[in-house]
């Protein structure tokens, strides 16, 4: 078959293709120059009261005891159950009543007259009603904040005794109403004797007498890190149905969206995002934000961890409420791996701010949420790459006392330090160690000089 005459002249074909490309480029350039996204003033501010009623994760699943131990006569042991399992059994088994402060002249110590009990070290409560997440019933704590709760049997009756932040003791009756396996509350790990540590501010927690051997862990971050895909997710999550959203200040590793009031930013280098300036001060909402509202807010704005990561032992748990300047408070949810808390050194974030790769942080001004900052780590496989034999609990305490640091310590925990590699492989390592909360910040007990943790900034104020 004879070839078409114009194909016999390759120079002509090349010229036609080049001309087509030039015309197409000119047309696209004119469109870009002439296009201006429509912008209208925002008519309503984002209100924290708007939450999704079909949430899969409720507050009671996030707020779990920070620690649980079993008392047997004068000895204390770690439990075989996780704090979350303990809380589930308590919720399924009991209701509380007649819960009131003990008469001052008859107040015993927390452990007086108790031979066998399960003790719950409660997280720093946002409000006193935190206890109601763990123990249903009709009672009022009159604004008192519980620190520890002891569940035991006395005269064939289940009891709960609680010590408050003001060191007052409350006691109440527990009615067995459910089908929970109460015996499972007292399953102890006889190989893990625990030691009670009391700090200068009367805070108490338990540490292992014998330091455990913990796995060193390795994992790849398999989360979506393309800026365009993350911006689409942020648009759907933070600005659903908002026609005023525009992309602003594009950079090589940073993407940002705004509707004129709220700003959502994503740093692909750190795989972290921040949503801030959610709403300005408003008189439309006068009630103070509670922890349950914060939990619902997180669910509504991105949720917790993905199912794959959760199956690998990664979770976010309520950690503390950190006071801040200018009336702002920060509610902190900390990553946990296999039940152990995760700590990190702070890295630089967008606009010279800082992000803690081990926490999800929600800032509010009392009546409205103002910002949420988090890392988007997702892992589909945890790999053990070795073990580390940690120091005994007494050695940790002695190190702090001998260095003159113990008086500034308010808690000692076993946990993991996370290191995030930012190159193309995107891997993380989890290194076990003892961590202490000293002067309001978490650091390894043996690295007070080398391990720097920058404060969390609030943004472009």
Protein backbone atom coordinates (compact mmCIF):
# COMPACT_ATOMS: atom_id res chain seq x y z
CA UNK A 1 0.00 0.00 0.00
CA UNK A 2 1.27 3.42 -0.95
CA UNK A 3 1.95 5.71 2.05
CA UNK A 4 0.03 9.02 2.24
CA UNK A 5 1.91 11.77 0.47
CA UNK A 6 2.26 14.02 3.57
CA UNK A 7 3.79 11.17 5.65
CA UNK A 8 6.53 10.93 3.05
CA UNK A 9 7.74 14.31 4.28
CA UNK A 10 8.75 13.89 7.96
CA UNK A 11 9.85 17.52 8.21
CA UNK A 12 6.29 18.64 7.46
CA UNK A 13 4.86 16.29 10.10
CA UNK A 14 7.25 17.63 12.72
CA UNK A 15 6.33 21.21 11.85
CA UNK A 16 2.58 20.49 12.20
CA UNK A 17 3.06 18.81 15.60
CA UNK A 18 5.20 21.71 16.84
CA UNK A 19 2.63 24.26 15.65
CA UNK A 20 -0.16 22.37 17.47
CA UNK A 21 1.81 22.36 20.72
CA UNK A 22 2.54 26.09 20.47
CA UNK A 23 -1.13 26.97 19.86
CA UNK A 24 -2.25 24.74 22.76
CA UNK A 25 0.30 26.35 25.10
CA UNK A 26 -0.88 29.87 24.16
CA UNK A 27 -4.53 28.95 24.78
CA UNK A 28 -3.75 27.44 28.21
CA UNK A 29 -1.70 30.49 29.20
CA UNK A 30 -4.56 32.86 28.28
CA UNK A 31 -6.98 30.75 30.31
CA UNK A 32 -4.71 30.84 33.38
CA UNK A 33 -4.17 34.59 33.08
CA UNK A 34 -7.85 35.31 32.66
CA UNK A 35 -9.15 32.88 35.34
CA UNK A 36 -9.90 34.28 38.79
CA UNK A 37 -11.52 31.99 41.39
CA UNK A 38 -14.76 33.38 42.73
CA UNK A 39 -14.56 34.57 46.31
CA UNK A 40 -17.37 35.66 48.57
CA UNK A 41 -17.14 36.75 52.17
CA UNK A 42 -17.69 33.93 54.64
CA UNK A 43 -21.18 34.21 56.04
CA UNK A 44 -20.84 31.87 59.03
CA UNK A 45 -17.95 30.73 61.19
CA UNK A 46 -17.15 27.11 61.89
CA UNK A 47 -18.88 26.08 65.09
CA UNK A 48 -17.66 23.18 67.22
CA UNK A 49 -21.25 22.18 67.96
CA UNK A 50 -21.57 20.72 64.46
CA UNK A 51 -20.52 17.07 64.76
CA UNK A 52 -21.30 13.88 62.92
CA UNK A 53 -23.82 11.77 64.86
CA UNK A 54 -22.71 8.54 63.18
CA UNK A 55 -19.26 8.50 64.76
CA UNK A 56 -17.65 5.09 64.96
CA UNK A 57 -15.33 5.90 67.84
CA UNK A 58 -16.90 7.37 70.95
CA UNK A 59 -15.28 9.19 73.85
CA UNK A 60 -15.34 6.18 76.15
CA UNK A 61 -13.11 4.31 73.70
CA UNK A 62 -10.41 6.96 73.84
CA UNK A 63 -10.37 7.99 77.50
CA UNK A 64 -8.81 4.99 79.22
CA UNK A 65 -6.87 4.74 82.49
CA UNK A 66 -3.24 5.67 82.06
CA UNK A 67 -2.23 2.68 84.16
CA UNK A 68 -3.80 -0.20 86.09
CA UNK A 69 -2.28 -2.44 88.75
CA UNK A 70 -3.51 -5.26 91.00
CA UNK A 71 -3.01 -5.18 94.78
CA UNK A 72 -2.66 -8.49 96.59
CA UNK A 73 -2.20 -8.01 100.32
CA UNK A 74 0.90 -5.78 100.52
CA UNK A 75 2.26 -6.56 97.04
CA UNK A 76 1.49 -4.78 93.76
CA UNK A 77 1.62 -6.39 90.32
CA UNK A 78 1.01 -5.33 86.74
CA UNK A 79 -2.27 -6.58 85.32
CA UNK A 80 -2.57 -9.04 82.46
CA UNK A 81 -5.35 -6.88 81.01
CA UNK A 82 -4.78 -3.61 79.21
CA UNK A 83 -6.26 -0.46 80.76
CA UNK A 84 -8.82 -0.43 77.94
CA UNK A 85 -9.93 -3.99 78.77
CA UNK A 86 -10.17 -3.09 82.46
CA UNK A 87 -12.37 -0.11 81.68
CA UNK A 88 -14.62 -2.18 79.40
CA UNK A 89 -15.20 -4.78 82.14
CA UNK A 90 -15.98 -2.06 84.69
CA UNK A 91 -18.47 -0.38 82.37
CA UNK A 92 -20.14 -3.69 81.58
CA UNK A 93 -20.27 -4.82 85.21
CA UNK A 94 -21.02 -1.95 87.58
CA UNK A 95 -23.01 1.14 88.33
CA UNK A 96 -21.99 3.49 91.15
CA UNK A 97 -24.21 4.96 93.85
CA UNK A 98 -23.86 6.60 97.27
CA UNK A 99 -20.61 8.12 96.02
CA UNK A 100 -19.62 10.85 98.48
CA UNK A 101 -16.66 12.24 100.44
CA UNK A 102 -15.64 10.36 103.56
CA UNK A 103 -16.12 12.12 106.87
CA UNK A 104 -12.92 13.99 107.70
CA UNK A 105 -12.50 12.40 111.14
CA UNK A 106 -12.85 8.90 109.68
CA UNK A 107 -10.74 9.26 106.53
CA UNK A 108 -8.34 6.32 106.13
CA UNK A 109 -5.48 6.13 103.69
CA UNK A 110 -6.44 5.09 100.17
CA UNK A 111 -5.38 1.50 100.86
CA UNK A 112 -6.61 1.12 104.47
CA UNK A 113 -8.56 -2.09 105.05
CA UNK A 114 -8.01 -3.30 101.47
CA UNK A 115 -6.35 -6.69 100.86
CA UNK A 116 -7.18 -7.22 97.20
CA UNK A 117 -8.06 -4.49 94.72
CA UNK A 118 -7.55 -3.16 91.22
CA UNK A 119 -6.22 0.40 91.09
CA UNK A 120 -6.75 2.73 88.14
CA UNK A 121 -4.39 5.66 87.63
CA UNK A 122 -6.67 8.07 85.82
CA UNK A 123 -5.49 10.38 83.04
CA UNK A 124 -5.36 14.06 83.83
CA UNK A 125 -9.03 14.76 83.70
CA UNK A 126 -10.34 17.63 81.63
CA UNK A 127 -13.38 17.69 83.87
CA UNK A 128 -14.46 15.69 86.85
CA UNK A 129 -17.01 13.84 84.72
CA UNK A 130 -14.13 11.91 83.14
CA UNK A 131 -14.88 9.23 85.75
CA UNK A 132 -18.38 8.85 84.29
CA UNK A 133 -16.87 7.55 81.05
CA UNK A 134 -15.49 4.62 82.99
CA UNK A 135 -18.17 4.13 85.61
CA UNK A 136 -21.86 4.72 84.87
CA UNK A 137 -24.17 5.73 87.66
CA UNK A 138 -26.04 8.59 89.27
CA UNK A 139 -23.57 10.61 91.29
CA UNK A 140 -21.89 13.99 91.36
CA UNK A 141 -18.27 14.76 92.17
CA UNK A 142 -19.08 18.42 92.82
CA UNK A 143 -16.32 19.56 90.52
CA UNK A 144 -13.66 17.37 92.13
CA UNK A 145 -11.08 15.83 89.80
CA UNK A 146 -10.30 12.14 90.54
CA UNK A 147 -6.68 11.01 90.28
CA UNK A 148 -6.86 7.36 91.31
CA UNK A 149 -9.66 4.87 91.84
CA UNK A 150 -9.54 1.66 93.89
CA UNK A 151 -12.12 -1.09 93.26
CA UNK A 152 -12.40 -3.73 95.98
CA UNK A 153 -14.87 -5.85 97.95
CA UNK A 154 -15.76 -5.06 101.57
CA UNK A 155 -18.33 -6.95 103.65
CA UNK A 156 -19.51 -8.82 100.54
CA UNK A 157 -20.16 -5.48 98.81
CA UNK A 158 -18.27 -4.03 95.89
CA UNK A 159 -16.85 -0.59 96.67
CA UNK A 160 -14.97 2.18 94.88
CA UNK A 161 -12.63 4.54 96.71
CA UNK A 162 -11.21 7.55 94.88
CA UNK A 163 -8.58 10.10 95.77
CA UNK A 164 -9.10 13.56 94.34
CA UNK A 165 -6.61 16.16 93.18
CA UNK A 166 -7.10 17.99 96.51
CA UNK A 167 -6.20 14.69 98.27
CA UNK A 168 -9.73 14.22 99.64
CA UNK A 169 -11.10 10.66 99.65
CA UNK A 170 -14.49 9.68 98.26
CA UNK A 171 -16.13 6.28 98.51
CA UNK A 172 -19.20 4.70 96.96
CA UNK A 173 -21.08 1.46 96.42
CA UNK A 174 -20.89 -0.53 93.20
CA UNK A 175 -23.93 -2.47 92.07
CA UNK A 176 -23.34 -5.51 89.86
CA UNK A 177 -25.65 -4.85 86.93
CA UNK A 178 -23.98 -6.41 83.89
CA UNK A 179 -22.46 -9.64 82.71
CA UNK A 180 -18.83 -8.54 82.70
CA UNK A 181 -16.27 -11.01 84.03
CA UNK A 182 -15.34 -9.31 87.29
CA UNK A 183 -12.71 -11.94 88.10
CA UNK A 184 -10.76 -10.82 85.03
CA UNK A 185 -10.17 -7.45 86.73
CA UNK A 186 -7.81 -9.15 89.18
CA UNK A 187 -5.71 -11.16 86.75
CA UNK A 188 -2.16 -10.22 87.74
CA UNK A 189 1.17 -10.73 86.04
CA UNK A 190 3.09 -12.44 88.84
CA UNK A 191 6.39 -11.87 86.97
CA UNK A 192 6.01 -8.08 87.04
CA UNK A 193 6.19 -6.64 90.52
CA UNK A 194 5.50 -2.90 90.58
CA UNK A 195 6.77 -0.10 92.76
CA UNK A 196 4.68 2.91 93.74
CA UNK A 197 6.41 6.25 93.14
CA UNK A 198 5.07 9.34 94.93
CA UNK A 199 6.24 12.70 93.61
CA UNK A 200 6.57 16.06 95.32
CA UNK A 201 3.14 17.20 94.11
CA UNK A 202 1.52 14.01 95.53
CA UNK A 203 1.11 12.52 92.06
CA UNK A 204 1.46 8.72 92.06
CA UNK A 205 2.23 6.10 89.43
CA UNK A 206 3.75 2.63 89.30
CA UNK A 207 6.95 1.45 87.64
CA UNK A 208 8.34 -2.10 87.23
CA UNK A 209 10.76 -3.18 89.93
CA UNK A 210 12.78 -5.07 87.31
CA UNK A 211 13.37 -3.23 84.05
CA UNK A 212 11.90 -5.19 81.13
CA UNK A 213 13.50 -6.17 77.85
CA UNK A 214 11.54 -4.30 75.17
CA UNK A 215 11.54 -4.75 71.41
CA UNK A 216 13.13 -2.18 69.14
CA UNK A 217 10.63 -1.60 66.33
CA UNK A 218 10.85 -0.54 62.70
CA UNK A 219 8.07 0.39 60.26
CA UNK A 220 7.46 2.17 56.97
CA UNK A 221 5.08 5.10 56.73
CA UNK A 222 2.63 3.95 54.04
CA UNK A 223 0.29 6.93 54.26
CA UNK A 224 -0.66 9.15 51.33
CA UNK A 225 1.87 11.98 51.11
CA UNK A 226 1.11 13.55 47.72
CA UNK A 227 0.20 17.17 48.37
CA UNK A 228 -2.61 17.22 45.80
CA UNK A 229 -4.27 14.15 47.30
CA UNK A 230 -3.84 15.46 50.85
CA UNK A 231 -5.31 18.84 49.90
CA UNK A 232 -8.34 17.06 48.43
CA UNK A 233 -8.75 15.18 51.70
CA UNK A 234 -8.36 18.38 53.73
CA UNK A 235 -10.89 20.17 51.54
CA UNK A 236 -13.45 17.41 52.10
CA UNK A 237 -12.65 17.09 55.82
CA UNK A 238 -12.21 20.69 56.94
CA UNK A 239 -14.25 22.62 54.36
CA UNK A 240 -17.11 20.35 53.26
CA UNK A 241 -19.31 22.16 50.75
CA UNK A 242 -17.52 25.49 51.24
CA UNK A 243 -17.33 27.32 47.85
CA UNK A 244 -14.88 29.93 49.18
CA UNK A 245 -11.91 27.62 49.64
CA UNK A 246 -8.74 28.53 47.75
CA UNK A 247 -5.23 27.15 47.68
CA UNK A 248 -2.68 29.64 48.97
CA UNK A 249 1.09 29.96 49.27
CA UNK A 250 2.05 26.83 47.35
CA UNK A 251 5.56 25.54 48.03
CA UNK A 252 7.59 22.51 47.07
CA UNK A 253 6.63 20.49 50.15
CA UNK A 254 3.79 22.54 51.65
CA UNK A 255 0.16 22.92 50.67
CA UNK A 256 -2.43 25.21 52.25
CA UNK A 257 -6.14 25.94 51.92
CA UNK A 258 -8.19 28.81 53.33
CA UNK A 259 -11.72 30.12 53.19
CA UNK A 260 -10.74 33.54 54.47
CA UNK A 261 -10.95 32.60 58.14
CA UNK A 262 -9.79 29.03 58.67
CA UNK A 263 -6.46 27.75 57.34
CA UNK A 264 -5.52 24.10 56.73
CA UNK A 265 -1.84 23.38 56.10
CA UNK A 266 0.00 20.20 55.17
CA UNK A 267 3.76 19.65 55.29
CA UNK A 268 4.64 16.70 53.04
CA UNK A 269 8.18 16.56 54.39
CA UNK A 270 6.96 15.73 57.89
CA UNK A 271 3.63 14.24 56.76
CA UNK A 272 1.88 16.50 59.28
CA UNK A 273 -1.05 18.88 59.08
CA UNK A 274 -2.55 21.73 61.04
CA UNK A 275 -6.03 23.20 60.91
CA UNK A 276 -6.17 26.55 62.72
CA UNK A 277 -8.22 29.67 63.26
CA UNK A 278 -11.31 27.51 63.13
CA UNK A 279 -13.57 30.22 64.49
CA UNK A 280 -13.28 33.58 66.14
CA UNK A 281 -14.64 34.49 69.54
CA UNK A 282 -18.39 34.30 69.41
CA UNK A 283 -21.22 34.93 71.83
CA UNK A 284 -23.32 32.24 70.19
CA UNK A 285 -21.69 29.54 72.29
CA UNK A 286 -21.34 30.22 76.01
CA UNK A 287 -20.80 26.74 77.47
CA UNK A 288 -17.26 25.57 78.21
CA UNK A 289 -15.91 22.86 75.91
CA UNK A 290 -15.64 19.46 77.58
CA UNK A 291 -13.46 16.50 76.75
CA UNK A 292 -16.36 14.70 75.07
CA UNK A 293 -16.75 17.63 72.66
CA UNK A 294 -13.03 17.58 71.89
CA UNK A 295 -13.23 13.85 71.13
CA UNK A 296 -16.21 14.36 68.83
CA UNK A 297 -14.43 17.24 67.16
CA UNK A 298 -11.40 15.07 66.35
CA UNK A 299 -13.71 12.41 64.94
CA UNK A 300 -15.39 14.99 62.76
CA UNK A 301 -12.10 16.49 61.57
CA UNK A 302 -9.98 13.52 60.53
CA UNK A 303 -10.59 10.83 63.12
CA UNK A 304 -7.92 8.85 64.94
CA UNK A 305 -5.79 6.15 63.29
CA UNK A 306 -6.61 4.04 60.26
CA UNK A 307 -7.76 0.45 60.72
CA UNK A 308 -4.53 -1.04 59.35
CA UNK A 309 -2.37 0.90 61.82
CA UNK A 310 -4.76 0.05 64.64
CA UNK A 311 -4.38 -3.65 63.87
CA UNK A 312 -0.61 -3.21 64.26
CA UNK A 313 -1.01 -1.82 67.78
CA UNK A 314 -0.98 1.90 66.98
CA UNK A 315 -3.54 4.01 68.83
CA UNK A 316 -4.17 7.55 70.07
CA UNK A 317 -5.14 7.98 73.72
CA UNK A 318 -6.02 10.97 75.81
CA UNK A 319 -2.83 12.14 77.54
CA UNK A 320 -3.25 15.49 79.26
CA UNK A 321 -4.50 19.03 79.13
CA UNK A 322 -1.65 21.51 78.83
CA UNK A 323 -2.34 25.12 79.91
CA UNK A 324 -1.08 27.76 77.53
CA UNK A 325 -0.74 31.52 77.50
CA UNK A 326 -3.52 33.97 76.66
CA UNK A 327 -6.21 31.64 77.99
CA UNK A 328 -5.65 28.87 75.44
CA UNK A 329 -5.58 25.23 76.52
CA UNK A 330 -4.21 22.28 74.55
CA UNK A 331 -5.78 18.84 74.83
CA UNK A 332 -3.15 16.24 73.99
CA UNK A 333 -3.82 12.76 72.58
CA UNK A 334 -0.64 10.67 72.46
CA UNK A 335 0.28 7.88 70.07
CA UNK A 336 0.76 4.48 71.72
CA UNK A 337 2.45 1.41 70.26
CA UNK A 338 1.38 -1.90 71.77
CA UNK A 339 0.11 -0.01 74.79
CA UNK A 340 3.30 1.99 75.40
CA UNK A 341 3.32 5.80 74.97
CA UNK A 342 5.38 7.36 72.18
CA UNK A 343 7.55 10.46 72.64
CA UNK A 344 9.43 12.55 70.10
CA UNK A 345 11.69 15.51 69.73
CA UNK A 346 9.85 18.42 68.14
CA UNK A 347 10.65 19.25 64.54
CA UNK A 348 10.24 22.50 62.61
CA UNK A 349 6.84 22.85 60.99
CA UNK A 350 5.11 25.25 58.65
CA UNK A 351 6.00 28.91 59.18
CA UNK A 352 8.68 28.10 61.77
CA UNK A 353 6.18 26.47 64.08
CA UNK A 354 6.78 23.07 65.64
CA UNK A 355 4.89 19.79 65.55
CA UNK A 356 5.18 16.88 67.93
CA UNK A 357 5.23 13.76 65.77
CA UNK A 358 3.94 11.65 68.67
CA UNK A 359 0.76 13.55 69.53
CA UNK A 360 -2.48 14.94 68.23
CA UNK A 361 -3.13 18.37 69.77
CA UNK A 362 -6.37 20.32 69.95
CA UNK A 363 -6.26 23.92 71.17
CA UNK A 364 -9.29 25.78 72.46
CA UNK A 365 -10.04 29.07 74.15
CA UNK A 366 -12.69 27.76 76.53
CA UNK A 367 -15.74 27.91 74.29
CA UNK A 368 -14.45 27.08 70.82
CA UNK A 369 -11.79 24.90 69.27
CA UNK A 370 -9.12 26.99 67.57
CA UNK A 371 -6.65 24.50 66.06
CA UNK A 372 -5.80 20.84 65.58
CA UNK A 373 -2.30 19.57 64.74
CA UNK A 374 -1.34 15.99 63.98
CA UNK A 375 1.02 13.62 62.24
CA UNK A 376 -0.47 11.26 59.63
CA UNK A 377 1.65 8.18 60.32
CA UNK A 378 0.19 4.95 58.94
CA UNK A 379 1.91 1.59 59.29
CA UNK A 380 0.92 -1.79 57.88
CA UNK A 381 3.64 -3.84 59.53
CA UNK A 382 5.75 -3.49 62.67
CA UNK A 383 9.11 -5.25 62.51
CA UNK A 384 11.14 -6.17 65.59
CA UNK A 385 14.82 -5.44 64.92
CA UNK A 386 16.22 -6.26 68.35
CA UNK A 387 15.65 -5.91 72.07
CA UNK A 388 16.85 -3.45 74.68
CA UNK A 389 17.25 -4.37 78.36
CA UNK A 390 16.07 -1.33 80.30
CA UNK A 391 17.34 -0.24 83.69
CA UNK A 392 15.52 -1.32 86.84
CA UNK A 393 12.98 1.07 88.30
CA UNK A 394 15.07 1.79 91.39
CA UNK A 395 18.07 2.68 89.22
CA UNK A 396 15.95 5.21 87.33
CA UNK A 397 14.75 6.85 90.55
CA UNK A 398 18.29 6.89 91.97
CA UNK A 399 19.62 8.54 88.80
CA UNK A 400 17.04 11.32 89.10
CA UNK A 401 17.60 11.80 92.84
CA UNK A 402 21.41 11.86 92.58
CA UNK A 403 21.23 14.45 89.79
CA UNK A 404 18.89 16.66 91.83
CA UNK A 405 16.14 16.28 89.24
CA UNK A 406 13.53 14.23 91.07
CA UNK A 407 11.82 17.22 92.69
CA UNK A 408 10.91 18.48 89.20
CA UNK A 409 9.59 15.10 88.01
CA UNK A 410 5.84 14.44 88.02
CA UNK A 411 5.71 11.07 86.26
CA UNK A 412 7.94 8.20 85.08
CA UNK A 413 6.83 5.94 82.22
CA UNK A 414 8.11 3.20 79.96
CA UNK A 415 7.72 4.17 76.32
CA UNK A 416 9.18 4.58 72.85
CA UNK A 417 11.09 7.40 71.22
CA UNK A 418 9.99 7.83 67.61
CA UNK A 419 12.41 8.93 64.91
CA UNK A 420 10.90 9.82 61.54
CA UNK A 421 13.09 9.54 58.45
CA UNK A 422 12.06 12.08 55.84
CA UNK A 423 13.75 10.63 52.78
CA UNK A 424 11.91 8.75 50.03
CA UNK A 425 11.68 5.50 52.00
CA UNK A 426 9.68 7.19 54.80
CA UNK A 427 10.51 4.87 57.68
CA UNK A 428 10.17 5.21 61.44
CA UNK A 429 12.00 3.62 64.33
CA UNK A 430 10.65 3.09 67.84
CA UNK A 431 13.40 2.90 70.50
CA UNK A 432 12.37 1.83 74.04
CA UNK A 433 13.48 3.78 77.09
CA UNK A 434 12.36 5.24 80.39
CA UNK A 435 10.82 8.71 80.04
CA UNK A 436 10.18 11.30 82.72
CA UNK A 437 7.91 14.30 82.72
CA UNK A 438 10.21 16.96 84.08
CA UNK A 439 9.23 20.60 84.40
CA UNK A 440 6.22 19.96 82.17
CA UNK A 441 7.99 18.18 79.29
CA UNK A 442 8.72 14.54 78.49
CA UNK A 443 12.37 13.54 78.04
CA UNK A 444 14.41 10.30 78.34
CA UNK A 445 15.55 9.86 81.93
CA UNK A 446 19.20 9.50 80.88
CA UNK A 447 19.41 12.30 78.28
CA UNK A 448 18.49 15.58 80.01
CA UNK A 449 21.15 17.56 78.14
CA UNK A 450 21.03 16.04 74.65
CA UNK A 451 17.31 15.57 74.09
CA UNK A 452 15.79 18.96 73.29
CA UNK A 453 12.06 19.46 72.99
CA UNK A 454 10.86 22.73 71.54
CA UNK A 455 7.63 24.26 72.75
CA UNK A 456 4.52 24.02 70.61
CA UNK A 457 3.79 27.36 68.97
CA UNK A 458 0.26 28.44 68.18
CA UNK A 459 0.73 29.84 64.71
CA UNK A 460 1.04 33.17 62.98
CA UNK A 461 0.07 35.38 65.90
